[in-house]
N, C-alpha and C. Protein backbone atom coordinates (compact mmCIF):
# COMPACT_ATOMS: atom_id res chain seq x y z
N MET A 1 205.75 16.67 -143.23
CA MET A 1 204.52 17.68 -144.04
C MET A 1 203.31 17.34 -143.33
N LYS A 2 203.21 18.74 -143.48
CA LYS A 2 201.78 19.09 -142.59
C LYS A 2 200.59 19.44 -143.46
N ASN A 3 199.36 18.43 -143.18
CA ASN A 3 198.46 18.59 -143.33
C ASN A 3 197.03 18.73 -142.42
N SER A 4 196.47 19.54 -143.69
CA SER A 4 195.29 20.77 -142.85
C SER A 4 193.73 20.46 -143.32
N THR A 5 193.89 18.80 -144.14
CA THR A 5 192.72 18.98 -144.90
C THR A 5 192.14 17.18 -144.34
N LEU A 6 192.76 17.01 -143.96
CA LEU A 6 192.21 14.78 -143.09
C LEU A 6 191.02 15.30 -142.55
N LYS A 7 190.35 14.81 -142.96
CA LYS A 7 189.73 14.90 -141.56
C LYS A 7 189.19 13.23 -140.57
N PHE A 8 189.12 12.96 -141.47
CA PHE A 8 188.82 11.18 -141.30
C PHE A 8 189.62 10.09 -141.73
N LEU A 9 190.17 8.81 -140.20
CA LEU A 9 191.46 8.61 -140.87
C LEU A 9 190.76 7.03 -140.51
N ASP A 10 190.84 6.24 -140.70
CA ASP A 10 190.76 4.85 -140.75
C ASP A 10 191.09 3.60 -140.67
N VAL A 11 192.04 3.17 -139.91
CA VAL A 11 192.81 2.22 -139.36
C VAL A 11 192.77 1.33 -139.11
N GLY A 12 191.38 1.10 -138.92
CA GLY A 12 190.99 -0.45 -138.30
C GLY A 12 191.89 -1.45 -139.16
N HIS A 13 191.76 -2.71 -138.41
CA HIS A 13 191.50 -3.96 -138.77
C HIS A 13 193.70 -4.17 -139.73
N ASN A 14 194.45 -3.92 -139.20
CA ASN A 14 195.82 -2.91 -139.50
C ASN A 14 196.88 -3.67 -138.74
N ARG A 15 196.12 -4.08 -137.73
CA ARG A 15 196.75 -4.90 -136.28
C ARG A 15 198.41 -3.60 -135.81
N LEU A 16 198.14 -2.42 -135.55
CA LEU A 16 198.08 -2.16 -134.82
C LEU A 16 199.37 -1.62 -133.49
N ARG A 17 197.95 -2.45 -132.74
CA ARG A 17 199.24 -2.72 -131.51
C ARG A 17 199.28 -1.19 -130.83
N ASN A 18 200.18 -1.50 -129.76
CA ASN A 18 199.97 -0.05 -128.93
C ASN A 18 200.97 0.55 -129.33
N THR A 19 202.02 -0.47 -129.88
CA THR A 19 203.03 1.06 -131.03
C THR A 19 202.78 1.86 -131.84
N GLY A 20 201.61 0.82 -132.59
CA GLY A 20 200.90 1.76 -133.58
C GLY A 20 200.38 2.97 -133.71
N ILE A 21 199.43 2.88 -132.45
CA ILE A 21 198.57 4.22 -131.67
C ILE A 21 199.45 5.06 -131.08
N LYS A 22 200.04 4.68 -131.14
CA LYS A 22 200.95 5.58 -130.15
C LYS A 22 202.16 5.92 -131.18
N ALA A 23 202.23 6.20 -132.53
CA ALA A 23 203.13 6.92 -133.64
C ALA A 23 201.90 7.85 -134.16
N ILE A 24 200.34 6.97 -134.23
CA ILE A 24 199.39 7.48 -135.25
C ILE A 24 199.38 9.58 -134.11
N ILE A 25 199.64 8.72 -132.93
CA ILE A 25 198.88 10.06 -131.24
C ILE A 25 200.21 11.46 -131.56
N GLU A 26 201.50 10.12 -132.46
CA GLU A 26 203.16 11.33 -132.27
C GLU A 26 202.21 12.37 -133.44
N GLY A 27 201.78 11.21 -134.75
CA GLY A 27 202.00 12.35 -136.12
C GLY A 27 200.78 13.21 -135.77
N VAL A 28 199.73 13.35 -135.59
CA VAL A 28 199.02 14.06 -135.09
C VAL A 28 199.33 14.79 -134.22
N ARG A 29 199.69 14.96 -133.12
CA ARG A 29 199.97 15.99 -132.07
C ARG A 29 201.50 16.79 -133.00
N ALA A 30 202.13 15.92 -133.78
CA ALA A 30 203.38 17.14 -134.57
C ALA A 30 202.48 17.79 -135.42
N ASN A 31 201.48 17.54 -136.08
CA ASN A 31 200.83 18.54 -136.88
C ASN A 31 199.87 19.50 -136.68
N PRO A 32 200.71 21.00 -135.85
CA PRO A 32 199.08 22.00 -135.40
C PRO A 32 198.24 22.21 -135.80
N ASP A 33 198.10 22.23 -137.41
CA ASP A 33 197.53 21.91 -138.16
C ASP A 33 196.18 21.80 -138.98
N SER A 34 196.32 19.99 -137.77
CA SER A 34 195.19 19.09 -138.01
C SER A 34 194.94 19.23 -138.40
N GLN A 35 193.41 18.92 -138.81
CA GLN A 35 191.84 19.03 -138.65
C GLN A 35 191.00 17.68 -138.48
N LEU A 36 191.70 16.82 -137.91
CA LEU A 36 191.11 15.33 -138.09
C LEU A 36 190.66 15.26 -136.58
N ARG A 37 188.74 14.86 -137.77
CA ARG A 37 188.08 14.81 -135.87
C ARG A 37 187.62 13.75 -135.83
N GLU A 38 188.18 12.28 -136.73
CA GLU A 38 187.17 10.95 -136.45
C GLU A 38 188.53 10.06 -136.57
N LEU A 39 188.76 9.15 -135.96
CA LEU A 39 190.37 8.14 -136.01
C LEU A 39 189.25 6.86 -135.98
N GLY A 40 188.94 5.82 -136.66
CA GLY A 40 188.51 4.44 -137.03
C GLY A 40 190.00 3.50 -136.45
N VAL A 41 190.06 3.14 -134.96
CA VAL A 41 191.00 2.23 -134.80
C VAL A 41 190.36 0.40 -134.57
N CYS A 42 189.67 0.06 -135.20
CA CYS A 42 189.20 -0.83 -134.46
C CYS A 42 189.29 -2.56 -134.83
N SER A 43 189.23 -2.97 -134.23
CA SER A 43 189.85 -4.50 -134.44
C SER A 43 191.62 -4.55 -134.70
N ASN A 44 192.29 -4.18 -134.06
CA ASN A 44 193.44 -3.56 -134.19
C ASN A 44 194.59 -3.98 -132.77
N PHE A 45 194.00 -4.99 -131.97
CA PHE A 45 194.42 -5.14 -130.61
C PHE A 45 195.29 -4.48 -130.27
N ILE A 46 194.71 -3.24 -129.37
CA ILE A 46 195.03 -2.04 -128.96
C ILE A 46 194.66 -2.65 -127.33
N ASN A 47 194.89 -2.89 -126.39
CA ASN A 47 194.65 -3.19 -125.00
C ASN A 47 193.98 -2.11 -124.22
N ASP A 48 193.66 -1.98 -122.93
CA ASP A 48 193.48 -0.66 -122.80
C ASP A 48 194.62 0.36 -122.09
N ASP A 49 195.80 -0.36 -121.54
CA ASP A 49 197.08 0.92 -122.47
C ASP A 49 196.95 1.92 -122.75
N GLY A 50 197.16 1.90 -124.62
CA GLY A 50 197.39 1.97 -125.58
C GLY A 50 195.90 2.98 -125.57
N MET A 51 194.39 2.42 -125.56
CA MET A 51 193.04 3.32 -125.06
C MET A 51 193.47 4.24 -124.35
N THR A 52 193.61 3.80 -123.60
CA THR A 52 193.49 5.84 -122.54
C THR A 52 194.40 6.47 -122.77
N LYS A 53 195.83 5.81 -123.61
CA LYS A 53 196.86 6.72 -123.98
C LYS A 53 195.91 8.07 -125.22
N LEU A 54 195.32 7.24 -126.51
CA LEU A 54 194.91 7.63 -127.07
C LEU A 54 193.25 9.07 -126.14
N PHE A 55 192.91 8.48 -125.22
CA PHE A 55 192.09 9.45 -125.10
C PHE A 55 193.02 10.19 -124.15
N GLU A 56 193.90 10.26 -123.37
CA GLU A 56 194.77 11.59 -123.01
C GLU A 56 195.01 12.09 -123.13
N GLU A 57 195.48 11.59 -124.72
CA GLU A 57 196.44 12.21 -125.82
C GLU A 57 195.73 13.37 -126.44
N LEU A 58 194.81 12.53 -127.48
CA LEU A 58 194.19 13.27 -128.31
C LEU A 58 192.44 13.71 -128.27
N ILE A 59 191.95 13.07 -127.28
CA ILE A 59 190.48 13.26 -126.77
C ILE A 59 190.40 14.05 -126.48
N ILE A 60 191.15 14.12 -125.22
CA ILE A 60 190.96 14.74 -124.21
C ILE A 60 192.40 15.93 -123.41
N PRO A 61 192.81 15.59 -123.99
CA PRO A 61 193.98 16.18 -124.04
C PRO A 61 194.57 17.56 -123.18
N GLY A 62 195.07 18.00 -121.94
CA GLY A 62 195.00 18.68 -121.70
C GLY A 62 194.94 18.74 -119.37
N LYS A 63 193.46 17.92 -119.54
CA LYS A 63 192.59 17.17 -118.29
C LYS A 63 193.46 17.12 -117.37
N ASP A 64 193.62 17.23 -115.49
CA ASP A 64 193.93 16.04 -115.16
C ASP A 64 193.82 14.63 -115.06
N HIS A 65 194.55 13.75 -115.67
CA HIS A 65 193.94 12.36 -115.34
C HIS A 65 194.56 11.81 -114.28
N GLY A 66 194.91 12.11 -113.56
CA GLY A 66 194.98 11.30 -112.34
C GLY A 66 193.50 11.20 -111.46
């Protein structure tokens, strides 16, 4: 299902961890019509690797991260 109306998603306090944040990244990237502009992920036990992946995949995609 494609969603072009969702602009804000808050999944805070859900214990997503890195596995959950990866699933959200994959879902957003799989939807080329996504209008998501804000994603709340506080208090989800996401470590530095998970946050780095979030930034590299969704926030600043296509940049050279080396």
